[in-house]
Amino acid sequence: MRRRARHPSFRARAGFTFLEVIVVVIIIGLLASLVAPKFFKRIGQSRVKTARAQVELFGAALDSFRLDVGRYPTTEEGLEALRTNPGGLKAWAGPYLPKAVPADPWGHPYVYQSPGEHGDYDLLSLGRDGAPGGEGEDADIVSWE
């Protein structure tokens, strides 16, 4: 069998040079820096929309509870009264929610108070920062607006 002699320049061109790899990494970094902020802004907007939808869902479940029982759950009974009978309520016909009460999209518990300062009950998510007030993603999502 005849052996083929390797050309010296073949070995040098077998892979990418360090400089080529660095250029590609820099280009990918620049593209990511342009796309990432827009992508993460969308994530924040979707969390706000999810929190609003959950507050509305809880509001409908609270109204069903009131129709059956004649009152809204007390602050002490909380939103858990929508899943389990808080005790002694013969007219309770729940569960009024198909699943357990979730945390808000940022991992904080929803705040429920009955009677509320803005109506029969106040239900809110404190937003990303978990503190009252704020703007943008940090703003409160409330049931009375």
Protein backbone atom coordinates (compact mmCIF):
# COMPACT_ATOMS: atom_id res chain seq x y z
CA MET A 1 0.00 0.00 0.00
CA ARG A 2 1.20 3.37 -0.85
CA ARG A 3 1.31 5.98 1.88
CA ARG A 4 0.26 9.44 1.02
CA ALA A 5 2.56 12.17 2.19
CA ARG A 6 0.81 14.87 4.13
CA HIS A 7 1.34 18.35 3.02
CA PRO A 8 2.73 20.58 5.84
CA SER A 9 0.10 23.29 5.28
CA PHE A 10 -2.74 20.73 5.68
CA ARG A 11 -2.00 20.32 9.38
CA ALA A 12 -1.95 24.07 9.96
CA ARG A 13 -5.37 24.55 8.34
CA ALA A 14 -7.12 21.65 10.09
CA GLY A 15 -8.95 23.81 12.67
CA PHE A 16 -9.92 27.34 13.59
CA THR A 17 -7.34 29.76 14.83
CA PHE A 18 -7.68 31.34 18.24
CA LEU A 19 -8.35 34.69 16.61
CA GLU A 20 -11.23 33.30 14.53
CA VAL A 21 -12.82 31.79 17.64
CA ILE A 22 -12.51 35.10 19.51
CA VAL A 23 -14.13 37.00 16.62
CA VAL A 24 -17.07 34.56 16.56
CA VAL A 25 -17.53 34.82 20.34
CA ILE A 26 -17.53 38.63 20.14
CA ILE A 27 -20.14 38.60 17.34
CA ILE A 28 -22.38 36.24 19.33
CA GLY A 29 -21.98 38.45 22.40
CA LEU A 30 -22.97 41.56 20.45
CA LEU A 31 -26.05 39.84 19.02
CA ALA A 32 -27.05 38.59 22.46
CA SER A 33 -26.68 42.08 23.94
CA LEU A 34 -29.11 43.41 21.33
CA VAL A 35 -31.70 40.64 21.64
CA ALA A 36 -31.62 39.81 25.38
CA PRO A 37 -33.12 43.08 26.73
CA LYS A 38 -36.12 42.81 24.41
CA PHE A 39 -36.59 39.16 25.32
CA PHE A 40 -36.48 39.81 29.08
CA LYS A 41 -38.87 42.75 28.73
CA ARG A 42 -41.40 40.34 27.21
CA ILE A 43 -40.96 37.97 30.13
CA GLY A 44 -41.73 40.80 32.57
CA GLN A 45 -44.83 41.79 30.60
CA SER A 46 -46.08 38.20 30.56
CA ARG A 47 -45.70 37.96 34.35
CA VAL A 48 -47.82 41.10 34.79
CA LYS A 49 -50.49 39.67 32.47
CA THR A 50 -50.43 36.37 34.35
CA ALA A 51 -50.87 38.12 37.69
CA ARG A 52 -53.84 40.12 36.33
CA ALA A 53 -55.45 36.95 35.00
CA GLN A 54 -54.98 35.15 38.33
CA VAL A 55 -56.46 38.09 40.28
CA GLU A 56 -59.51 37.98 37.99
CA LEU A 57 -59.81 34.20 38.41
CA PHE A 58 -59.64 34.53 42.19
CA GLY A 59 -62.27 37.29 42.01
CA ALA A 60 -64.68 34.99 40.14
CA ALA A 61 -64.04 32.21 42.65
CA LEU A 62 -64.59 34.63 45.56
CA ASP A 63 -67.91 35.71 44.02
CA SER A 64 -69.00 32.06 43.72
CA PHE A 65 -68.05 31.50 47.36
CA ARG A 66 -70.15 34.53 48.35
CA LEU A 67 -73.15 33.32 46.35
CA ASP A 68 -73.08 29.97 48.15
CA VAL A 69 -72.08 31.03 51.66
CA GLY A 70 -73.54 34.55 51.79
CA ARG A 71 -70.25 36.29 52.52
CA TYR A 72 -66.66 36.50 51.33
CA PRO A 73 -63.98 34.54 53.20
CA THR A 74 -62.54 36.47 56.12
CA THR A 75 -58.93 37.65 56.09
CA GLU A 76 -58.10 34.83 58.51
CA GLU A 77 -59.72 32.20 56.26
CA GLY A 78 -57.91 33.67 53.28
CA LEU A 79 -57.89 32.35 49.74
CA GLU A 80 -57.46 28.81 51.06
CA ALA A 81 -61.22 28.91 51.84
CA LEU A 82 -61.72 28.62 48.07
CA ARG A 83 -60.12 25.13 48.14
CA THR A 84 -61.17 23.71 51.50
CA ASN A 85 -64.15 24.37 53.73
CA PRO A 86 -62.87 26.61 56.52
CA GLY A 87 -65.15 24.74 58.92
CA GLY A 88 -68.77 24.96 59.87
CA LEU A 89 -70.01 26.33 56.55
CA LYS A 90 -72.91 24.10 55.51
CA ALA A 91 -73.58 26.01 52.28
CA TRP A 92 -69.94 25.71 51.12
CA ALA A 93 -70.07 24.00 47.70
CA GLY A 94 -66.41 24.16 46.72
CA PRO A 95 -63.73 23.76 45.83
CA TYR A 96 -64.04 26.99 43.88
CA LEU A 97 -60.56 26.70 42.38
CA PRO A 98 -59.40 23.64 40.41
CA LYS A 99 -55.91 23.70 41.94
CA ALA A 100 -54.16 25.00 45.04
CA VAL A 101 -53.76 28.76 45.37
CA PRO A 102 -50.47 29.58 43.63
CA ALA A 103 -47.98 32.27 44.49
CA ASP A 104 -47.90 35.24 42.15
CA PRO A 105 -45.59 35.02 39.10
CA TRP A 106 -42.69 36.45 41.15
CA GLY A 107 -43.07 33.86 43.91
CA HIS A 108 -44.80 36.09 46.48
CA PRO A 109 -48.14 35.19 48.10
CA TYR A 110 -51.20 37.13 47.01
CA VAL A 111 -52.48 39.59 49.62
CA TYR A 112 -56.15 39.09 50.56
CA GLN A 113 -58.10 41.21 53.01
CA SER A 114 -61.80 41.09 53.77
CA PRO A 115 -63.41 43.46 54.45
CA GLY A 116 -61.18 45.53 52.23
CA GLU A 117 -60.36 49.20 52.10
CA HIS A 118 -61.57 49.43 48.46
CA GLY A 119 -64.62 47.17 48.56
CA ASP A 120 -65.90 43.93 50.06
CA TYR A 121 -62.41 42.50 49.67
CA ASP A 122 -58.97 43.61 48.52
CA LEU A 123 -56.87 41.17 46.54
CA LEU A 124 -53.48 42.11 45.17
CA SER A 125 -50.06 41.05 44.03
CA LEU A 126 -47.25 43.30 45.19
CA GLY A 127 -45.36 42.87 41.92
CA ARG A 128 -41.75 41.92 41.32
CA ASP A 129 -40.34 43.82 44.32
CA GLY A 130 -42.86 42.36 46.80
CA ALA A 131 -43.43 45.81 48.33
CA PRO A 132 -46.41 48.17 48.07
CA GLY A 133 -46.37 50.69 45.24
CA GLY A 134 -43.82 50.79 42.47
CA GLU A 135 -43.83 51.21 38.71
CA GLY A 136 -43.58 48.83 35.78
CA GLU A 137 -43.06 45.25 36.94
CA ASP A 138 -42.78 46.48 40.55
CA ALA A 139 -46.31 47.98 40.45
CA ASP A 140 -49.11 46.35 42.42
CA ILE A 141 -51.74 44.37 40.51
CA VAL A 142 -55.03 44.96 42.32
CA SER A 143 -58.59 43.66 42.13
CA TRP A 144 -60.35 47.03 42.47
CA GLU A 145 -59.06 48.68 39.31
